[in-house]
Protein backbone atom coordinates (compact mmCIF):
# COMPACT_ATOMS: atom_id res chain seq x y z
CA MET A 1 4.36 -1.82 -43.57
CA GLU A 2 6.29 -5.07 -43.44
CA GLN A 3 5.63 -7.22 -40.46
CA ILE A 4 8.17 -8.88 -38.20
CA LEU A 5 8.04 -12.59 -37.63
CA LYS A 6 6.12 -14.23 -34.90
CA ARG A 7 6.72 -17.55 -33.18
CA LYS A 8 4.18 -19.81 -31.24
CA MET A 9 4.66 -19.72 -27.46
CA PRO A 10 4.75 -23.45 -26.59
CA GLY A 11 2.98 -23.07 -23.23
CA THR A 12 0.23 -20.91 -24.45
CA GLY A 13 -0.23 -21.16 -28.30
CA ASP A 14 -0.16 -17.49 -28.66
CA GLU A 15 1.61 -16.09 -31.82
CA ILE A 16 4.31 -13.76 -30.15
CA SER A 17 6.50 -11.33 -32.08
CA ILE A 18 10.14 -12.36 -31.96
CA LEU A 19 10.97 -8.80 -30.84
CA GLY A 20 9.31 -7.71 -27.58
CA PHE A 21 9.30 -4.21 -26.12
CA GLY A 22 11.12 -4.17 -22.80
CA CYS A 23 9.84 -1.23 -20.80
CA MET A 24 12.34 -1.36 -17.85
CA ARG A 25 14.41 1.41 -19.39
CA PHE A 26 11.78 3.90 -19.87
CA LYS A 27 12.76 7.17 -18.28
CA ARG A 28 11.55 7.47 -14.64
CA ASN A 29 8.71 10.14 -14.15
CA LEU A 30 8.07 10.71 -17.88
CA ALA A 31 7.58 14.25 -18.71
CA ALA A 32 5.05 15.23 -21.33
CA THR A 33 7.80 15.47 -24.16
CA ASP A 34 9.22 12.15 -23.09
CA MET A 35 5.73 10.51 -23.05
CA GLN A 36 5.18 11.73 -26.54
CA LYS A 37 8.44 10.17 -27.81
CA THR A 38 7.65 6.98 -25.96
CA GLU A 39 4.18 6.82 -27.52
CA GLU A 40 5.78 7.28 -31.02
CA GLN A 41 8.09 4.51 -30.43
CA ILE A 42 5.41 2.18 -29.13
CA ARG A 43 3.01 3.04 -32.09
CA LEU A 44 5.89 2.42 -34.52
CA ALA A 45 6.61 -0.92 -32.97
CA ILE A 46 2.90 -2.12 -32.94
CA LYS A 47 2.45 -1.03 -36.47
CA ALA A 48 5.44 -3.24 -37.47
CA GLY A 49 3.86 -6.18 -35.66
CA VAL A 50 5.50 -6.16 -32.12
CA ASN A 51 2.77 -7.42 -29.81
CA TYR A 52 4.54 -8.16 -26.44
CA PHE A 53 5.21 -5.50 -24.00
CA ASP A 54 7.01 -6.30 -20.79
CA THR A 55 6.85 -4.16 -17.59
CA ALA A 56 6.76 -4.67 -13.86
CA TYR A 57 5.45 -3.39 -10.65
CA MET A 58 9.06 -2.59 -9.67
CA TYR A 59 9.72 -0.37 -12.70
CA PRO A 60 8.63 3.18 -11.29
CA GLY A 61 6.10 4.90 -13.57
CA ASN A 62 6.46 2.27 -16.35
CA GLU A 63 3.15 0.45 -15.86
CA LYS A 64 1.19 3.71 -15.77
CA ALA A 65 3.06 5.05 -18.84
CA LEU A 66 2.34 1.92 -20.82
CA GLY A 67 -1.36 1.86 -19.64
CA THR A 68 -1.77 5.55 -20.65
CA ILE A 69 -0.53 4.83 -24.18
CA LEU A 70 -2.22 1.50 -24.88
CA VAL A 71 -5.62 2.89 -23.98
CA LYS A 72 -5.42 5.08 -27.11
CA LYS A 73 -6.36 3.95 -30.68
CA ASP A 74 -4.25 3.49 -33.74
CA GLU A 75 -4.68 5.29 -37.07
CA ASP A 76 -7.42 2.97 -38.11
CA GLY A 77 -9.39 3.54 -34.91
CA ALA A 78 -8.48 0.13 -33.33
CA ALA A 79 -7.54 0.01 -29.70
CA LEU A 80 -3.79 -0.51 -29.27
CA ARG A 81 -4.56 -2.57 -26.19
CA ASP A 82 -6.44 -5.10 -28.40
CA LYS A 83 -3.25 -5.64 -30.53
CA VAL A 84 -0.88 -6.54 -27.83
CA PHE A 85 -0.03 -8.90 -24.94
CA ILE A 86 0.82 -7.02 -21.67
CA ALA A 87 3.46 -8.77 -19.33
CA THR A 88 4.00 -7.48 -15.89
CA LYS A 89 5.36 -9.01 -12.67
CA LEU A 90 4.58 -9.79 -9.11
CA PRO A 91 7.30 -8.21 -6.91
CA PHE A 92 8.41 -11.33 -5.13
CA MET A 93 11.03 -9.78 -3.16
CA LEU A 94 8.49 -7.44 -1.39
CA LEU A 95 6.09 -10.15 -0.29
CA LYS A 96 5.39 -10.52 3.39
CA ASN A 97 1.92 -12.19 3.30
CA ARG A 98 -0.84 -13.64 1.03
CA GLU A 99 -2.68 -10.22 1.15
CA ASP A 100 0.32 -8.45 -0.50
CA MET A 101 -0.09 -10.56 -3.55
CA ASP A 102 -3.68 -9.35 -4.22
CA ARG A 103 -2.64 -5.79 -3.42
CA TYR A 104 0.26 -5.73 -5.87
CA LEU A 105 -1.83 -7.25 -8.67
CA GLU A 106 -4.65 -4.83 -8.08
CA THR A 107 -2.11 -1.97 -8.22
CA SER A 108 -0.73 -3.25 -11.55
CA LEU A 109 -4.25 -3.67 -13.01
CA GLU A 110 -4.99 -0.11 -12.00
CA ARG A 111 -1.74 1.34 -13.33
CA LEU A 112 -2.20 -0.42 -16.59
CA GLY A 113 -5.86 0.51 -16.87
CA VAL A 114 -6.77 -2.94 -17.73
CA LYS A 115 -9.00 -5.79 -16.18
CA TYR A 116 -6.78 -8.54 -17.49
CA ILE A 117 -2.99 -9.17 -17.60
CA ASP A 118 -1.96 -11.51 -20.50
CA TYR A 119 1.29 -12.61 -19.01
CA TYR A 120 1.99 -12.49 -15.31
CA LEU A 121 5.45 -13.30 -13.80
CA VAL A 122 6.81 -14.13 -10.50
CA HIS A 123 9.49 -11.59 -10.50
CA ASN A 124 13.28 -12.07 -9.99
CA LEU A 125 13.40 -15.72 -8.67
CA GLY A 126 17.00 -16.47 -7.79
CA GLY A 127 16.83 -19.87 -6.15
CA THR A 128 14.55 -22.58 -4.75
CA GLU A 129 14.68 -21.11 -1.31
CA ALA A 130 12.77 -17.99 -2.42
CA TRP A 131 10.38 -20.05 -4.26
CA GLU A 132 9.67 -22.28 -1.34
CA HIS A 133 9.13 -19.35 0.85
CA GLY A 134 6.65 -17.85 -1.74
CA LYS A 135 4.69 -21.09 -1.70
CA LYS A 136 4.52 -20.93 2.17
CA LEU A 137 2.99 -17.45 1.69
CA GLY A 138 0.28 -18.82 -0.50
CA VAL A 139 1.55 -17.83 -4.10
CA LEU A 140 0.13 -21.02 -5.64
CA ASP A 141 -3.34 -20.29 -4.25
CA PHE A 142 -2.97 -16.68 -5.28
CA MET A 143 -2.10 -17.44 -9.04
CA LYS A 144 -4.82 -20.09 -9.28
CA LYS A 145 -7.50 -17.68 -7.93
CA ALA A 146 -6.25 -14.68 -10.02
CA LYS A 147 -6.47 -16.83 -13.13
CA GLU A 148 -9.93 -18.11 -12.24
CA GLU A 149 -11.15 -14.62 -11.68
CA GLY A 150 -9.88 -13.73 -15.17
CA LYS A 151 -7.24 -11.15 -13.78
CA ILE A 152 -4.32 -13.06 -15.29
CA GLY A 153 -3.88 -15.34 -18.15
CA ASN A 154 -0.47 -17.14 -18.48
CA ILE A 155 1.74 -17.67 -15.53
CA GLY A 156 5.59 -17.48 -15.60
CA PHE A 157 8.61 -16.46 -13.77
CA SER A 158 11.70 -14.39 -14.44
CA TRP A 159 14.94 -16.14 -13.36
CA HIS A 160 18.33 -14.91 -11.99
CA GLY A 161 19.75 -17.94 -10.40
CA ASN A 162 21.83 -20.95 -11.38
CA GLN A 163 21.01 -23.59 -13.80
CA TYR A 164 20.59 -26.24 -11.26
CA ASN A 165 17.96 -24.44 -9.31
CA PHE A 166 16.26 -23.22 -12.56
CA LYS A 167 15.42 -26.83 -13.62
CA LYS A 168 14.13 -27.47 -10.13
CA VAL A 169 11.69 -24.55 -10.25
CA ILE A 170 10.60 -25.56 -13.83
CA ASP A 171 9.69 -28.89 -12.65
CA ASP A 172 7.90 -27.73 -9.54
CA PHE A 173 4.91 -26.07 -11.11
CA ASP A 174 2.85 -26.10 -14.47
CA TRP A 175 4.50 -22.97 -15.83
CA GLN A 176 3.48 -21.69 -19.20
CA PHE A 177 6.48 -19.54 -19.79
CA CYS A 178 9.68 -18.21 -18.30
CA GLN A 179 11.98 -15.28 -18.69
CA ILE A 180 15.76 -15.71 -18.66
CA GLN A 181 18.96 -13.61 -19.33
CA TYR A 182 20.41 -14.91 -22.48
CA ASN A 183 23.02 -13.55 -24.96
CA TYR A 184 26.29 -14.77 -26.53
CA LEU A 185 28.27 -13.83 -23.40
CA ASP A 186 25.90 -15.83 -21.26
CA GLU A 187 25.72 -19.28 -22.74
CA HIS A 188 26.87 -20.86 -19.36
CA PHE A 189 25.55 -18.07 -17.01
CA GLN A 190 22.47 -18.34 -14.97
CA ALA A 191 19.99 -20.66 -16.89
CA GLY A 192 22.23 -20.53 -19.88
CA THR A 193 21.74 -22.70 -22.98
CA GLU A 194 21.19 -25.83 -20.94
CA GLY A 195 18.41 -24.12 -19.08
CA LEU A 196 16.85 -22.76 -22.27
CA LYS A 197 16.76 -26.19 -23.90
CA TYR A 198 15.41 -27.68 -20.66
CA ALA A 199 12.51 -25.26 -20.49
CA ALA A 200 11.69 -25.85 -24.11
CA SER A 201 11.80 -29.58 -23.60
CA LYS A 202 9.12 -29.25 -20.88
CA GLY A 203 6.89 -27.26 -23.21
CA VAL A 204 7.61 -24.00 -21.42
CA GLY A 205 7.83 -20.80 -23.61
CA VAL A 206 11.07 -18.79 -23.20
CA ILE A 207 11.26 -14.97 -23.26
CA VAL A 208 14.82 -13.64 -23.34
CA MET A 209 15.93 -10.51 -21.37
CA GLU A 210 19.32 -8.75 -21.72
CA PRO A 211 19.99 -9.91 -25.31
CA LEU A 212 22.37 -6.96 -25.51
CA ARG A 213 23.65 -7.26 -21.92
CA GLY A 214 22.44 -3.92 -20.79
CA GLY A 215 23.69 -2.32 -24.13
CA THR A 216 27.11 -3.51 -23.77
CA LEU A 217 26.92 -5.68 -26.98
CA ALA A 218 25.62 -2.79 -28.92
CA THR A 219 27.79 0.11 -27.85
CA LYS A 220 30.56 -0.93 -25.58
CA LEU A 221 32.55 -3.44 -27.48
CA PRO A 222 36.37 -3.56 -27.11
CA HIS A 223 38.44 -2.17 -30.12
CA GLU A 224 39.57 -5.78 -30.94
CA ALA A 225 35.95 -6.94 -31.07
CA MET A 226 34.71 -4.08 -33.34
CA LYS A 227 37.64 -4.88 -35.68
CA ILE A 228 36.36 -8.55 -35.79
CA ILE A 229 32.91 -7.49 -36.59
CA GLY A 230 33.94 -4.89 -39.05
CA GLY A 231 35.88 -7.46 -41.05
CA HIS A 232 32.94 -9.67 -41.39
CA ASN A 233 30.20 -9.59 -43.99
CA GLY A 234 26.74 -11.12 -43.70
CA THR A 235 25.26 -13.48 -46.32
CA ASP A 236 23.84 -10.38 -47.90
CA GLY A 237 27.36 -9.13 -48.47
CA GLU A 238 26.71 -6.23 -46.13
CA LYS A 239 28.41 -5.06 -42.97
CA HIS A 240 26.19 -5.05 -39.88
CA THR A 241 26.22 -3.44 -36.41
CA PRO A 242 27.23 -5.31 -33.17
CA ALA A 243 23.54 -5.11 -32.12
CA TYR A 244 22.48 -6.84 -35.29
CA TRP A 245 24.72 -9.77 -34.57
CA ALA A 246 23.88 -10.03 -30.92
CA LEU A 247 20.05 -10.16 -31.54
CA ARG A 248 20.40 -12.53 -34.44
CA TRP A 249 22.40 -14.78 -32.27
CA VAL A 250 19.57 -15.10 -29.85
CA TRP A 251 16.98 -15.45 -32.59
CA ASP A 252 18.98 -18.20 -34.20
CA HIS A 253 17.90 -20.44 -31.33
CA PRO A 254 14.49 -22.14 -32.10
CA GLU A 255 13.70 -22.45 -28.29
CA VAL A 256 13.53 -18.76 -28.04
CA THR A 257 9.94 -17.41 -28.57
CA CYS A 258 10.73 -13.61 -28.07
CA LEU A 259 13.63 -11.41 -26.94
CA LEU A 260 13.08 -8.14 -25.12
CA SER A 261 14.81 -4.93 -26.21
CA GLY A 262 14.79 -1.94 -23.88
CA MET A 263 14.12 0.58 -26.64
CA ASN A 264 14.02 4.38 -25.67
CA GLU A 265 14.83 6.03 -28.93
CA ILE A 266 13.10 5.93 -32.21
CA SER A 267 16.26 5.06 -33.90
CA GLN A 268 16.54 1.92 -31.68
CA VAL A 269 13.18 0.69 -32.59
CA GLU A 270 13.77 1.21 -36.35
CA GLU A 271 17.12 -0.56 -36.12
CA ASN A 272 15.67 -3.58 -34.12
CA LEU A 273 12.64 -3.85 -36.43
CA LYS A 274 15.05 -4.07 -39.38
CA THR A 275 17.26 -6.61 -37.69
CA ALA A 276 14.17 -8.71 -36.81
CA MET A 277 13.00 -8.94 -40.50
CA GLY A 278 13.69 -12.55 -41.76
CA ALA A 279 15.32 -13.63 -38.39
CA HIS A 280 14.63 -17.41 -38.70
CA PRO A 281 16.25 -19.90 -36.44
CA GLY A 282 19.37 -21.44 -38.02
CA ILE A 283 19.81 -18.50 -40.49
CA LEU A 284 23.36 -17.73 -39.12
CA THR A 285 26.15 -19.46 -41.07
CA ASN A 286 29.12 -21.24 -39.59
CA GLU A 287 31.18 -18.27 -40.49
CA ASP A 288 28.90 -15.96 -38.65
CA LEU A 289 28.99 -18.02 -35.57
CA SER A 290 32.74 -18.33 -35.68
CA MET A 291 32.96 -14.53 -35.82
CA ILE A 292 30.65 -14.16 -32.81
CA ALA A 293 32.65 -16.70 -30.88
CA GLN A 294 35.77 -14.66 -31.60
CA VAL A 295 34.09 -11.55 -30.29
CA ARG A 296 32.97 -13.45 -27.15
CA ASP A 297 36.55 -14.60 -26.49
CA VAL A 298 37.58 -10.93 -26.49
CA PHE A 299 35.10 -9.88 -23.94
CA GLN A 300 35.69 -12.84 -21.61
CA GLN A 301 39.33 -11.89 -21.53
CA LYS A 302 38.71 -8.28 -20.54
CA LEU A 303 35.40 -8.11 -18.60
CA ARG A 304 35.95 -7.49 -14.85
CA VAL A 305 32.42 -7.73 -13.49
CA ASN A 306 29.12 -9.33 -14.84
CA CYS A 307 26.91 -6.37 -14.24
CA THR A 308 24.01 -5.59 -16.67
CA GLY A 309 23.02 -2.26 -15.06
CA CYS A 310 19.66 -3.56 -13.84
CA ALA A 311 20.01 -1.33 -10.74
CA TYR A 312 18.32 -3.80 -8.41
CA CYS A 313 21.28 -3.02 -6.07
CA MET A 314 19.99 0.55 -5.62
CA PRO A 315 19.68 2.67 -3.68
CA CYS A 316 23.04 2.58 -1.87
CA PRO A 317 22.83 3.74 1.75
CA TYR A 318 26.00 5.80 1.03
CA GLY A 319 24.84 7.43 -2.21
CA ILE A 320 27.04 5.25 -4.54
CA ASP A 321 25.71 4.89 -8.04
CA ILE A 322 26.80 1.30 -8.16
CA PRO A 323 25.71 0.51 -11.73
CA PHE A 324 27.59 3.53 -13.15
CA SER A 325 30.68 2.63 -11.05
CA LEU A 326 30.85 -0.96 -12.21
CA SER A 327 30.07 0.07 -15.80
CA ALA A 328 33.04 2.48 -15.48
CA LEU A 329 35.20 -0.33 -14.24
CA ASN A 330 34.35 -2.54 -17.06
CA ASP A 331 34.73 0.23 -19.59
CA GLN A 332 38.20 1.02 -18.22
CA ALA A 333 39.03 -2.59 -18.43
CA MET A 334 37.97 -3.03 -22.08
CA PHE A 335 39.05 0.32 -23.48
CA GLY A 336 41.88 1.68 -21.27
CA GLY A 337 43.25 5.20 -21.65
CA ILE A 338 42.41 8.23 -19.49
CA SER A 339 39.08 9.34 -20.97
CA GLY A 340 37.06 6.83 -18.99
CA LYS A 341 38.66 7.93 -15.64
CA VAL A 342 38.04 11.57 -16.52
CA MET A 343 34.39 10.95 -17.25
CA TYR A 344 33.95 9.00 -14.07
CA ASN A 345 35.29 11.69 -11.92
CA PHE A 346 33.61 14.34 -13.75
CA SER A 347 30.22 12.75 -13.65
CA LEU A 348 30.59 11.98 -9.85
CA ARG A 349 31.84 15.48 -8.89
CA PRO A 350 30.05 17.24 -6.14
CA VAL A 351 27.03 19.01 -7.36
CA LYS A 352 25.13 21.53 -5.28
CA GLY A 353 21.88 19.82 -4.04
CA LYS A 354 22.68 16.51 -5.65
CA PRO A 355 25.48 14.69 -3.60
CA LEU A 356 26.91 11.82 -5.65
CA ALA A 357 29.31 9.38 -3.93
CA LYS A 358 32.14 7.66 -5.64
CA ALA A 359 32.91 3.96 -5.28
CA SER A 360 35.45 4.87 -2.48
CA ALA A 361 32.39 5.83 -0.30
CA CYS A 362 31.55 2.14 0.18
CA ARG A 363 31.40 1.13 3.76
CA LYS A 364 30.88 -2.68 2.92
CA CYS A 365 27.46 -2.77 4.56
CA GLY A 366 26.41 -5.55 2.02
CA ALA A 367 22.99 -4.21 1.30
CA CYS A 368 23.67 -4.16 -2.46
CA GLU A 369 25.06 -7.83 -2.59
CA LYS A 370 21.80 -9.04 -0.93
CA LYS A 371 19.65 -7.54 -3.74
CA CYS A 372 21.80 -8.32 -6.75
CA PRO A 373 20.25 -10.93 -9.03
CA GLN A 374 23.61 -11.64 -10.57
CA HIS A 375 25.20 -12.48 -7.13
CA ILE A 376 28.10 -10.07 -7.96
CA LYS A 377 30.70 -9.47 -5.27
CA ILE A 378 29.78 -5.72 -5.49
CA MET A 379 31.86 -4.55 -2.46
CA ASP A 380 35.07 -6.06 -3.90
CA ALA A 381 34.16 -4.62 -7.33
CA LEU A 382 33.71 -1.12 -5.85
CA GLU A 383 36.99 -1.48 -3.90
CA GLU A 384 38.70 -2.18 -7.26
CA THR A 385 36.80 0.61 -9.04
CA ALA A 386 37.95 3.19 -6.46
CA LYS A 387 41.59 1.92 -6.70
CA ILE A 388 41.71 2.12 -10.46
CA MET A 389 39.50 5.06 -11.11
CA GLU A 390 39.97 7.61 -8.35
CA GLY A 391 43.64 8.70 -8.72
CA PRO A 392 44.61 12.21 -7.22
CA VAL A 393 44.99 13.64 -10.74
CA TYR A 394 41.40 12.73 -11.72
CA LYS A 395 40.04 13.88 -8.44
CA ALA A 396 41.79 17.26 -9.09
CA ILE A 397 40.25 17.43 -12.48
CA SER A 398 36.67 16.94 -11.10
CA ALA A 399 37.30 19.51 -8.35
CA LEU A 400 38.48 21.98 -10.94
CA ALA A 401 35.39 21.30 -13.03
CA SER A 402 33.10 21.91 -10.15
CA LYS A 403 34.81 25.15 -9.35
CA VAL A 404 34.73 26.41 -12.87
CA MET A 405 30.98 25.44 -13.19
CA GLY A 406 30.20 27.18 -9.88
CA GLN A 407 28.94 23.97 -8.20
């Protein structure tokens, strides 16, 4: 089977596959059938050369699921674990003392069924204040000790703050790698292109998350953007999917070691593997880049809120499905029409035993905004969502649907 390309991680020297398997979007509480499908996806990815698997303490059930699969052997009898690098994360936002760090690490090791984690990240840093607080709690001593004891290998952090503070954190410790959000919509958002290049200049490897911005750049493009992509041929003379161009744009940057894709369908794994074949830096032509810039302009004119659907804002004390609500707002802004409003109200109709609150249930407590890594003004966005999406006609439709369905 053809193998995807690898790039050397500057801070570690490891040969890392340019496509990494992001496990955040595994289904929670995987049933036996889901576990089997997930194992098939992971086996296919490993067979094609994917060797970087990213999970976290904060992703419910994912560490355990990944460990359960990687303890098995491939068709040649080789242990799957021996073929991959495992990355997981210290839940920085939960730390109260030095002892918590040891406890969370030991829990991750137990869930994964390993004695050693190859890539260990400080999770969800959003500014220097949080980093300084962590240092006071003893995070530097923790990481040094854990590495000396052979429990972790390479040390990094995932970032959700601004570019200025990103550089300060990069300079404050001998990091081996970092993880940033990066895609063609986010050149100047969070760490951005300048942060990417800065990390690389310091010899710090860069792992990219959200290359498809929560799937938006694959399946939720405005009609105008789809038309632009549909009118463009690659250098092979073929038409390509929106996901193809979004991933290729990230890989076009030599500073990027690996991008993470949250694959949860075998078709997604197959498409991403195909897209990764031959994805060298600088392979996009000026015509390709111009096309992507036009698509970016369409998005920037329409997007109402920069939500990636990470769900760090959840749970809402008032039962609001915040990521769904903000996604509905963006979809309505981009696509218009009545179908999005009908779907929003139908999806959030009252269901017996499963109360679902719409955006209008927001009481502006602010709990969501304190947890949002994108620093979105969620309360304002929910107010706008309620105003646009919850008209009396659509409320009547959802009420009728509940009555017809006996719920």
